[in-house]
């Protein structure tokens, strides 16, 4: 605006000078008797025109300064400023400015709305990714170009992927299993209007059996935006199912053996094959022994089931492990004497009191002592050692023998249900549940530890340790 005013003032000055020269030429020189030069007359005329233009420019500049001042004020409308002949133009300019300001305000509002929506969408995306990451099921998301959009941790582990490098790459470059790629591709071709594809698939990479559910995700217009594939690993379920089948099979076998023996001797008694009293007493003794064996088997199975279910009742009292070991040794003494096995005890003088269930702990010691005597040849030696560890505040009990020993391969399985060393089945009878019950009593009920140290042909050392203080029973996993 200042440049325009300077230009107008410069033109006005030039016009005044030119007009003055023209007037002097016309009036002064002509009265003096000089002839008027046409060019001088033309210069005067031009000067007059310039002067008139200058006056108009000054008027326009004044009006423009008023318009500028008023347009700078957002509270005015631009009407009633300047001379009348320019007011329509100023009104049009003011109206255009108002519309421009309204458009700017609407655009800023729209921009804020878009920013808020983008923030909400980003928060939703992060929440969805967080949910997918903590899911146990494997989730694989691809776009319509069959490029990986998201793969959670479970899917990365199951498919053997690197989640950080898989996103953005084609599924053909990321997923090695052709069956899974075929399922995702067929789901995309079917579109969002079809039911989710379901089936089972054995992955070629890890040989894992999976239940697969694949479906298309669509927008509001019904167009496919992504393909979501969920894989549920069936390996653990198949293992549990197999374990249940093996448990039923082994339990049935263990139950059938004493029942068959009892049935056979009862039939012989009924048929009168025991002609004398001595034979009948022998049959009665065998039936009683098999009955006790069957009862122990059923009791062990029930106790293990209760502990695993977390419903067993625990009577926690102060238990002196030294007294508990003495009672267990007295119980097993007749069995050891029959095989001429020396049972020796080594007990620490102090610090052998723990908080626990006395009956359960005594059952553990009796089971370990019974196994030691069973699998130790005649004339052997069994040692029970009790010690306390003040650093960990726990009591340590170990049962060592000079028996047959256990190989490293079998030592990893001795605490499993119904497991028995194949070569020792003829040495002594058993159900294969005693050590499993011991592990549950020590680890689950008393939060202790139990283990085995053995060398084949050189004896075994079973040990367990339990805390001295009172601890709550741990729920079964």
Protein backbone atom coordinates (compact mmCIF):
# COMPACT_ATOMS: atom_id res chain seq x y z
CA UNK A 1 0.00 0.00 0.00
CA UNK A 2 2.87 2.40 0.80
CA UNK A 3 4.50 1.69 -2.57
CA UNK A 4 1.23 2.53 -4.35
CA UNK A 5 0.93 5.82 -2.43
CA UNK A 6 4.53 6.75 -3.31
CA UNK A 7 3.88 6.03 -6.97
CA UNK A 8 0.68 8.17 -6.92
CA UNK A 9 2.46 11.09 -5.20
CA UNK A 10 5.30 10.91 -7.71
CA UNK A 11 2.84 11.00 -10.59
CA UNK A 12 1.02 13.94 -9.00
CA UNK A 13 4.23 15.95 -8.66
CA UNK A 14 5.16 15.27 -12.25
CA UNK A 15 1.63 16.27 -13.33
CA UNK A 16 1.78 19.56 -11.40
CA UNK A 17 5.13 20.48 -12.96
CA UNK A 18 3.93 19.59 -16.44
CA UNK A 19 0.65 21.48 -15.95
CA UNK A 20 2.54 24.55 -14.71
CA UNK A 21 4.76 24.56 -17.77
CA UNK A 22 1.76 24.20 -20.01
CA UNK A 23 -0.17 27.05 -18.37
CA UNK A 24 2.82 29.33 -18.46
CA UNK A 25 3.33 28.58 -22.06
CA UNK A 26 -0.30 29.20 -22.98
CA UNK A 27 -0.93 32.36 -21.03
CA UNK A 28 2.34 34.02 -20.26
CA UNK A 29 4.22 33.47 -23.43
CA UNK A 30 1.18 34.10 -25.67
CA UNK A 31 0.46 37.44 -23.94
CA UNK A 32 4.05 38.36 -24.46
CA UNK A 33 3.63 37.91 -28.17
CA UNK A 34 5.23 34.46 -28.49
CA UNK A 35 3.55 31.83 -30.55
CA UNK A 36 2.28 28.78 -28.64
CA UNK A 37 4.12 25.62 -29.48
CA UNK A 38 1.67 22.70 -30.05
CA UNK A 39 3.93 20.38 -28.12
CA UNK A 40 3.82 22.70 -25.19
CA UNK A 41 0.07 22.73 -25.32
CA UNK A 42 0.06 18.98 -25.48
CA UNK A 43 2.32 18.85 -22.44
CA UNK A 44 -0.07 21.07 -20.54
CA UNK A 45 -2.96 18.85 -21.48
CA UNK A 46 -1.08 15.77 -20.37
CA UNK A 47 -0.18 17.44 -17.13
CA UNK A 48 -3.80 18.22 -16.48
CA UNK A 49 -4.74 14.66 -17.13
CA UNK A 50 -1.99 13.49 -14.80
CA UNK A 51 -3.17 15.90 -12.15
CA UNK A 52 -6.70 14.61 -12.43
CA UNK A 53 -5.42 11.04 -12.29
CA UNK A 54 -3.38 11.93 -9.27
CA UNK A 55 -6.40 13.37 -7.48
CA UNK A 56 -8.38 10.23 -8.35
CA UNK A 57 -5.48 8.07 -7.20
CA UNK A 58 -5.28 9.95 -3.93
CA UNK A 59 -8.97 9.44 -3.42
CA UNK A 60 -8.60 5.73 -4.25
CA UNK A 61 -5.60 5.39 -1.95
CA UNK A 62 -7.57 6.96 0.87
CA UNK A 63 -10.42 4.58 0.25
CA UNK A 64 -8.06 1.62 0.08
CA UNK A 65 -6.45 2.62 3.38
CA UNK A 66 -9.88 2.64 4.98
CA UNK A 67 -10.72 -0.70 3.42
CA UNK A 68 -7.42 -2.14 4.58
CA UNK A 69 -7.97 -0.95 8.14
CA UNK A 70 -11.52 -2.27 8.21
CA UNK A 71 -10.70 -5.59 6.57
CA UNK A 72 -8.02 -6.07 9.20
CA UNK A 73 -10.77 -5.81 11.82
CA UNK A 74 -12.69 -9.14 11.84
CA UNK A 75 -15.62 -7.48 13.63
CA UNK A 76 -16.59 -5.28 10.63
CA UNK A 77 -18.22 -6.23 7.34
CA UNK A 78 -16.61 -3.71 4.98
CA UNK A 79 -19.86 -1.83 4.24
CA UNK A 80 -20.07 1.96 4.69
CA UNK A 81 -16.34 2.54 4.08
CA UNK A 82 -14.98 4.94 1.46
CA UNK A 83 -16.87 6.93 -1.20
CA UNK A 84 -20.17 5.72 -2.53
CA UNK A 85 -18.89 4.82 -5.96
CA UNK A 86 -16.51 2.24 -4.48
CA UNK A 87 -18.78 0.82 -1.77
CA UNK A 88 -20.22 -2.02 -3.94
CA UNK A 89 -16.70 -3.21 -4.70
CA UNK A 90 -15.74 -2.98 -1.05
CA UNK A 91 -18.88 -4.82 -0.03
CA UNK A 92 -18.06 -7.61 -2.48
CA UNK A 93 -14.51 -7.81 -1.14
CA UNK A 94 -15.79 -7.88 2.45
CA UNK A 95 -18.31 -10.61 1.64
CA UNK A 96 -15.57 -12.65 0.00
CA UNK A 97 -13.41 -12.17 3.07
CA UNK A 98 -16.23 -13.36 5.35
CA UNK A 99 -16.72 -16.46 3.22
CA UNK A 100 -12.98 -17.06 3.25
CA UNK A 101 -12.85 -16.74 7.05
CA UNK A 102 -15.80 -19.11 7.40
CA UNK A 103 -14.11 -21.59 5.08
CA UNK A 104 -10.91 -21.32 7.12
CA UNK A 105 -12.83 -21.91 10.35
CA UNK A 106 -14.61 -24.91 8.82
CA UNK A 107 -11.31 -26.27 7.56
CA UNK A 108 -9.66 -25.89 10.97
CA UNK A 109 -12.63 -27.65 12.57
CA UNK A 110 -12.40 -30.43 10.00
CA UNK A 111 -8.67 -30.70 10.58
CA UNK A 112 -9.14 -31.03 14.35
CA UNK A 113 -11.85 -33.62 13.77
CA UNK A 114 -9.55 -35.62 11.49
CA UNK A 115 -6.74 -35.39 14.02
CA UNK A 116 -9.03 -36.67 16.77
CA UNK A 117 -10.25 -39.50 14.54
CA UNK A 118 -6.69 -40.39 13.60
CA UNK A 119 -5.72 -40.44 17.28
CA UNK A 120 -8.70 -42.65 18.16
CA UNK A 121 -7.93 -44.96 15.23
CA UNK A 122 -4.28 -45.23 16.27
CA UNK A 123 -5.29 -45.99 19.86
CA UNK A 124 -7.71 -48.65 18.63
CA UNK A 125 -5.03 -50.17 16.43
CA UNK A 126 -2.56 -50.32 19.31
CA UNK A 127 -5.18 -51.87 21.58
CA UNK A 128 -6.05 -54.47 18.94
CA UNK A 129 -2.39 -55.33 18.47
CA UNK A 130 -1.95 -55.61 22.24
CA UNK A 131 -4.91 -58.00 22.44
CA UNK A 132 -3.55 -60.08 19.58
CA UNK A 133 -0.12 -60.27 21.21
CA UNK A 134 -1.43 -61.78 24.46
CA UNK A 135 -3.63 -64.34 22.71
CA UNK A 136 -2.58 -67.97 22.92
CA UNK A 137 -3.95 -68.59 19.43
CA UNK A 138 -1.79 -67.71 16.46
CA UNK A 139 -3.22 -64.83 14.37
CA UNK A 140 -2.06 -63.93 10.85
CA UNK A 141 -3.54 -60.88 9.05
CA UNK A 142 -2.99 -60.20 5.32
CA UNK A 143 -4.26 -57.43 3.06
CA UNK A 144 -5.96 -57.88 -0.33
CA UNK A 145 -2.55 -58.13 -2.00
CA UNK A 146 -1.74 -61.11 0.25
CA UNK A 147 0.89 -59.11 2.09
CA UNK A 148 1.37 -59.69 5.82
CA UNK A 149 -0.15 -56.86 7.85
CA UNK A 150 0.21 -58.31 11.34
CA UNK A 151 1.48 -61.51 12.92
CA UNK A 152 1.32 -61.99 16.69
CA UNK A 153 3.88 -63.68 18.90
CA UNK A 154 2.05 -67.03 18.97
CA UNK A 155 1.89 -67.14 15.16
CA UNK A 156 5.56 -66.21 14.87
CA UNK A 157 6.50 -69.08 17.18
CA UNK A 158 4.16 -71.57 15.53
CA UNK A 159 5.14 -70.71 11.95
CA UNK A 160 8.79 -70.03 12.68
CA UNK A 161 8.65 -66.37 11.60
CA UNK A 162 10.42 -63.18 12.57
CA UNK A 163 7.54 -60.80 13.29
CA UNK A 164 9.71 -57.72 12.89
CA UNK A 165 10.63 -58.54 9.28
CA UNK A 166 7.48 -60.37 8.17
CA UNK A 167 5.16 -57.33 8.09
CA UNK A 168 4.83 -55.83 4.63
CA UNK A 169 6.16 -58.86 2.79
CA UNK A 170 4.10 -61.22 0.58
CA UNK A 171 2.77 -64.27 2.37
CA UNK A 172 4.50 -66.47 -0.19
CA UNK A 173 7.86 -65.14 1.05
CA UNK A 174 7.00 -65.44 4.73
CA UNK A 175 4.90 -68.61 5.25
CA UNK A 176 6.62 -71.79 4.14
CA UNK A 177 3.57 -74.04 4.47
CA UNK A 178 1.79 -74.32 1.12
CA UNK A 179 -1.44 -75.54 2.72
CA UNK A 180 -1.80 -72.43 4.86
CA UNK A 181 -1.05 -70.15 1.90
CA UNK A 182 -3.71 -71.96 -0.10
CA UNK A 183 -6.29 -71.49 2.67
CA UNK A 184 -5.59 -67.74 2.89
CA UNK A 185 -5.76 -67.33 -0.91
CA UNK A 186 -9.04 -69.25 -1.23
CA UNK A 187 -10.55 -67.21 1.61
CA UNK A 188 -9.68 -63.98 -0.20
CA UNK A 189 -11.21 -65.27 -3.43
CA UNK A 190 -14.41 -66.35 -1.63
CA UNK A 191 -14.94 -62.82 -0.22
CA UNK A 192 -16.61 -61.57 2.93
CA UNK A 193 -20.09 -62.89 2.11
CA UNK A 194 -19.13 -66.54 2.72
CA UNK A 195 -18.80 -68.37 6.03
CA UNK A 196 -15.33 -68.59 7.59
CA UNK A 197 -13.23 -71.44 6.26
CA UNK A 198 -12.56 -74.09 8.92
CA UNK A 199 -10.37 -77.15 8.92
CA UNK A 200 -7.36 -78.92 10.37
CA UNK A 201 -3.86 -78.55 9.02
CA UNK A 202 -0.56 -80.19 9.83
CA UNK A 203 2.18 -77.62 9.39
CA UNK A 204 5.10 -78.90 7.40
CA UNK A 205 7.63 -76.79 9.32
CA UNK A 206 7.02 -78.00 12.86
CA UNK A 207 4.76 -80.98 12.14
CA UNK A 208 2.20 -79.41 14.47
CA UNK A 209 -1.49 -80.15 14.05
CA UNK A 210 -3.60 -76.97 13.98
CA UNK A 211 -7.24 -76.03 13.73
CA UNK A 212 -7.49 -73.23 11.16
CA UNK A 213 -10.25 -70.58 10.90
CA UNK A 214 -9.90 -68.02 8.08
CA UNK A 215 -12.30 -65.20 7.17
CA UNK A 216 -12.37 -61.89 5.29
CA UNK A 217 -12.71 -58.54 7.05
CA UNK A 218 -14.87 -55.97 5.17
CA UNK A 219 -15.47 -52.24 5.38
CA UNK A 220 -18.88 -50.52 5.59
CA UNK A 221 -19.31 -50.78 1.84
CA UNK A 222 -18.83 -54.54 1.98
CA UNK A 223 -15.44 -54.52 0.29
CA UNK A 224 -12.75 -56.91 1.51
CA UNK A 225 -10.00 -55.15 3.42
CA UNK A 226 -8.04 -58.02 4.97
CA UNK A 227 -7.92 -61.77 5.52
CA UNK A 228 -7.70 -62.86 9.17
CA UNK A 229 -6.46 -66.39 9.87
CA UNK A 230 -6.49 -67.92 13.35
CA UNK A 231 -4.54 -71.10 14.08
CA UNK A 232 -5.19 -73.12 17.23
CA UNK A 233 -2.35 -75.49 18.10
CA UNK A 234 -3.78 -78.93 18.81
CA UNK A 235 -0.49 -80.48 19.88
CA UNK A 236 -1.08 -80.04 23.61
CA UNK A 237 -4.67 -81.27 23.36
CA UNK A 238 -3.55 -84.34 21.46
CA UNK A 239 -0.88 -84.99 24.08
CA UNK A 240 -3.47 -84.69 26.86
CA UNK A 241 -5.84 -86.97 25.00
CA UNK A 242 -3.07 -89.50 24.53
CA UNK A 243 -2.12 -89.23 28.20
CA UNK A 244 -5.74 -89.86 29.19
CA UNK A 245 -5.91 -92.89 26.93
CA UNK A 246 -2.64 -94.23 28.35
CA UNK A 247 -3.84 -93.56 31.90
CA UNK A 248 -7.07 -95.46 31.33
CA UNK A 249 -5.18 -98.30 29.68
CA UNK A 250 -2.56 -98.53 32.43
CA UNK A 251 -5.10 -98.12 35.21
CA UNK A 252 -7.27 -100.84 33.71
CA UNK A 253 -4.25 -103.14 33.46
CA UNK A 254 -3.18 -102.45 37.04
CA UNK A 255 -6.71 -103.01 38.31
CA UNK A 256 -7.18 -106.14 36.24
CA UNK A 257 -4.07 -107.89 37.58
CA UNK A 258 -5.07 -108.11 41.27
CA UNK A 259 -8.71 -108.70 40.39
CA UNK A 260 -7.77 -111.61 38.13
CA UNK A 261 -5.61 -113.14 40.86
CA UNK A 262 -8.34 -112.73 43.47
CA UNK A 263 -10.93 -114.19 41.12
CA UNK A 264 -8.77 -117.21 40.36
CA UNK A 265 -8.17 -118.09 44.01
CA UNK A 266 -11.79 -117.50 44.95
CA UNK A 267 -12.89 -119.87 42.17
CA UNK A 268 -10.45 -122.48 43.46
CA UNK A 269 -11.88 -122.13 46.95
CA UNK A 270 -15.42 -122.41 45.60
CA UNK A 271 -14.51 -125.49 43.56
CA UNK A 272 -12.99 -127.10 46.66
CA UNK A 273 -9.47 -127.39 45.29
CA UNK A 274 -8.08 -126.38 48.69
CA UNK A 275 -8.52 -129.74 50.40
CA UNK A 276 -6.74 -128.95 53.62
CA UNK A 277 -6.65 -126.01 55.98
CA UNK A 278 -3.07 -125.06 55.10
CA UNK A 279 -3.96 -124.64 51.40
CA UNK A 280 -7.01 -122.60 52.27
CA UNK A 281 -4.95 -120.31 54.53
CA UNK A 282 -2.46 -119.85 51.69
CA UNK A 283 -5.29 -118.90 49.31
CA UNK A 284 -6.73 -116.54 51.92
CA UNK A 285 -3.34 -114.88 52.35
CA UNK A 286 -2.93 -114.35 48.61
CA UNK A 287 -6.43 -112.94 48.31
CA UNK A 288 -5.78 -110.59 51.23
CA UNK A 289 -2.45 -109.43 49.72
CA UNK A 290 -4.06 -108.73 46.34
CA UNK A 291 -6.91 -106.93 48.06
CA UNK A 292 -4.47 -104.67 49.90
CA UNK A 293 -2.62 -104.06 46.64
CA UNK A 294 -5.85 -103.13 44.92
CA UNK A 295 -6.81 -100.87 47.81
CA UNK A 296 -3.42 -99.10 47.68
CA UNK A 297 -3.78 -98.62 43.94
CA UNK A 298 -7.23 -97.09 44.27
CA UNK A 299 -6.13 -94.89 47.19
CA UNK A 300 -3.08 -93.64 45.30
CA UNK A 301 -5.15 -92.85 42.22
CA UNK A 302 -7.70 -90.96 44.29
CA UNK A 303 -5.02 -89.05 46.24
CA UNK A 304 -3.20 -88.04 43.06
CA UNK A 305 -6.47 -86.93 41.48
CA UNK A 306 -7.40 -84.86 44.54
CA UNK A 307 -3.99 -83.20 44.71
CA UNK A 308 -4.02 -82.37 40.99
CA UNK A 309 -7.54 -80.95 41.33
CA UNK A 310 -6.50 -78.93 44.40
CA UNK A 311 -9.29 -80.32 46.59
CA UNK A 312 -7.29 -82.45 49.01
CA UNK A 313 -7.59 -81.54 52.68
CA UNK A 314 -4.24 -80.77 54.30
CA UNK A 315 -3.82 -80.90 58.07
CA UNK A 316 -0.77 -78.74 58.70
CA UNK A 317 0.93 -79.19 62.03
CA UNK A 318 4.47 -79.01 63.39
CA UNK A 319 6.09 -82.27 62.28
CA UNK A 320 9.37 -83.56 63.68
CA UNK A 321 10.97 -85.31 60.70
CA UNK A 322 13.20 -87.38 63.02
CA UNK A 323 10.16 -88.97 64.69
CA UNK A 324 8.50 -89.42 61.34
CA UNK A 325 11.54 -91.29 59.97
CA UNK A 326 11.73 -93.51 63.08
CA UNK A 327 8.11 -94.59 62.63
CA UNK A 328 8.66 -95.25 58.93
CA UNK A 329 11.74 -97.37 59.66
CA UNK A 330 9.79 -99.40 62.24
CA UNK A 331 7.08 -99.98 59.65
CA UNK A 332 9.49 -101.20 56.99
CA UNK A 333 11.74 -103.16 59.41
CA UNK A 334 10.01 -106.58 58.97
CA UNK A 335 10.35 -106.35 55.19
CA UNK A 336 14.01 -105.38 55.47
CA UNK A 337 14.73 -108.12 58.04
CA UNK A 338 13.29 -110.74 55.71
CA UNK A 339 15.95 -109.81 53.12
CA UNK A 340 18.70 -109.27 55.71
CA UNK A 341 18.97 -105.61 54.77
CA UNK A 342 20.42 -103.21 57.31
CA UNK A 343 18.43 -99.95 57.62
CA UNK A 344 20.56 -97.15 59.06
CA UNK A 345 19.50 -93.62 60.00
CA UNK A 346 21.55 -90.44 60.21
CA UNK A 347 19.62 -87.50 61.68
CA UNK A 348 20.82 -83.97 62.40
CA UNK A 349 20.62 -83.05 66.10
CA UNK A 350 18.51 -79.90 65.61
CA UNK A 351 16.36 -78.12 63.05
CA UNK A 352 14.28 -81.03 61.78
CA UNK A 353 10.82 -79.60 62.49
CA UNK A 354 8.65 -78.50 59.57
CA UNK A 355 5.07 -77.36 59.02
CA UNK A 356 3.18 -79.95 57.00
CA UNK A 357 0.82 -82.89 56.89
CA UNK A 358 2.35 -85.66 59.02
CA UNK A 359 0.47 -88.53 57.37
CA UNK A 360 1.39 -87.44 53.85
CA UNK A 361 5.06 -86.91 54.72
CA UNK A 362 5.25 -90.28 56.44
CA UNK A 363 3.68 -91.89 53.36
CA UNK A 364 6.46 -90.37 51.24
CA UNK A 365 9.21 -91.75 53.50
CA UNK A 366 7.56 -95.18 53.65
CA UNK A 367 7.25 -95.31 49.85
CA UNK A 368 10.91 -94.40 49.37
CA UNK A 369 12.04 -96.91 52.00
CA UNK A 370 9.80 -99.63 50.57
CA UNK A 371 11.24 -99.14 47.07
CA UNK A 372 14.79 -99.15 48.46
CA UNK A 373 14.20 -102.47 50.21
CA UNK A 374 12.39 -103.98 47.20
CA UNK A 375 15.16 -103.28 44.72
CA UNK A 376 18.14 -103.96 47.01
CA UNK A 377 19.53 -107.51 46.96
CA UNK A 378 19.76 -109.54 50.14
CA UNK A 379 22.41 -108.41 52.53
CA UNK A 380 22.38 -104.86 51.22
CA UNK A 381 22.16 -101.58 53.08
CA UNK A 382 19.63 -98.74 53.17
CA UNK A 383 20.45 -95.38 54.75
CA UNK A 384 18.05 -92.60 55.69
CA UNK A 385 19.70 -89.23 56.24
CA UNK A 386 17.94 -86.15 57.67
CA UNK A 387 19.63 -82.78 57.63
CA UNK A 388 18.62 -79.13 57.90
CA UNK A 389 19.75 -76.19 55.79
CA UNK A 390 19.63 -72.94 57.73
CA UNK A 391 20.45 -70.90 54.62
CA UNK A 392 17.35 -72.01 52.71
CA UNK A 393 15.41 -72.84 55.91
CA UNK A 394 14.49 -76.31 54.70
CA UNK A 395 14.81 -79.91 55.87
CA UNK A 396 16.51 -82.38 53.55
CA UNK A 397 15.72 -86.12 53.62
CA UNK A 398 17.61 -88.68 51.53
CA UNK A 399 17.07 -92.45 51.17
CA UNK A 400 20.11 -94.25 49.74
CA UNK A 401 20.49 -97.93 48.90
CA UNK A 402 23.04 -100.37 47.49
CA UNK A 403 20.53 -101.80 45.05
CA UNK A 404 20.26 -102.27 41.32
CA UNK A 405 20.34 -98.60 40.37
CA UNK A 406 18.49 -96.86 37.56
CA UNK A 407 19.81 -95.85 34.14
CA UNK A 408 19.87 -92.19 33.12
CA UNK A 409 17.20 -92.83 30.48
CA UNK A 410 14.77 -94.35 32.98
CA UNK A 411 15.64 -91.84 35.72
CA UNK A 412 13.90 -89.09 33.75
CA UNK A 413 10.59 -90.97 33.91
CA UNK A 414 10.49 -92.62 37.36
CA UNK A 415 8.14 -89.94 38.76
CA UNK A 416 5.58 -90.36 35.95
CA UNK A 417 2.30 -92.17 36.44
CA UNK A 418 2.41 -95.97 36.03
CA UNK A 419 6.05 -95.89 34.98
CA UNK A 420 8.13 -98.88 35.97
CA UNK A 421 11.58 -99.92 34.84
CA UNK A 422 10.95 -102.72 32.40
CA UNK A 423 13.81 -104.92 33.59
CA UNK A 424 12.72 -104.64 37.25
CA UNK A 425 9.09 -105.70 36.87
CA UNK A 426 10.01 -109.27 37.76
CA UNK A 427 12.06 -108.20 40.76
CA UNK A 428 9.14 -106.71 42.70
CA UNK A 429 5.48 -105.90 42.22
CA UNK A 430 4.23 -102.36 42.05
CA UNK A 431 1.64 -100.03 40.58
CA UNK A 432 3.90 -97.29 39.23
CA UNK A 433 1.97 -94.65 41.20
CA UNK A 434 3.99 -94.47 44.41
CA UNK A 435 6.73 -92.11 43.21
CA UNK A 436 4.23 -89.98 41.31
CA UNK A 437 2.23 -89.58 44.51
CA UNK A 438 5.42 -88.68 46.39
CA UNK A 439 6.21 -85.96 43.88
CA UNK A 440 2.72 -84.46 44.21
CA UNK A 441 2.88 -84.53 48.02
CA UNK A 442 6.29 -82.83 48.12
CA UNK A 443 6.01 -80.36 45.23
CA UNK A 444 2.30 -79.52 45.07
CA UNK A 445 1.21 -79.79 48.70
CA UNK A 446 4.39 -78.75 50.52
CA UNK A 447 6.11 -76.67 47.81
CA UNK A 448 9.28 -78.66 48.16
CA UNK A 449 11.59 -80.47 45.78
CA UNK A 450 12.17 -84.15 45.05
CA UNK A 451 14.78 -85.83 42.92
CA UNK A 452 16.88 -88.88 42.14
CA UNK A 453 20.60 -89.58 41.87
CA UNK A 454 21.41 -93.03 40.58
CA UNK A 455 23.98 -95.07 38.69
CA UNK A 456 23.01 -98.33 37.08
CA UNK A 457 24.28 -101.25 39.17
CA UNK A 458 25.54 -99.02 42.00
CA UNK A 459 22.43 -98.09 43.92
CA UNK A 460 20.11 -95.09 44.05
CA UNK A 461 19.60 -92.01 46.20
CA UNK A 462 16.09 -90.52 46.37
CA UNK A 463 15.87 -87.19 48.16
CA UNK A 464 13.36 -84.47 48.96
CA UNK A 465 13.44 -81.14 50.78
CA UNK A 466 10.60 -79.09 52.25
CA UNK A 467 10.54 -75.60 53.81
CA UNK A 468 10.49 -75.27 57.57
CA UNK A 469 7.93 -72.44 57.67
CA UNK A 470 4.23 -72.50 56.99
CA UNK A 471 3.42 -72.12 53.30
CA UNK A 472 0.03 -72.37 51.57
CA UNK A 473 -0.69 -75.31 49.33
CA UNK A 474 -0.11 -74.56 45.67
CA UNK A 475 -3.00 -75.10 43.31
CA UNK A 476 -2.44 -77.92 40.87
CA UNK A 477 -1.57 -76.83 37.38
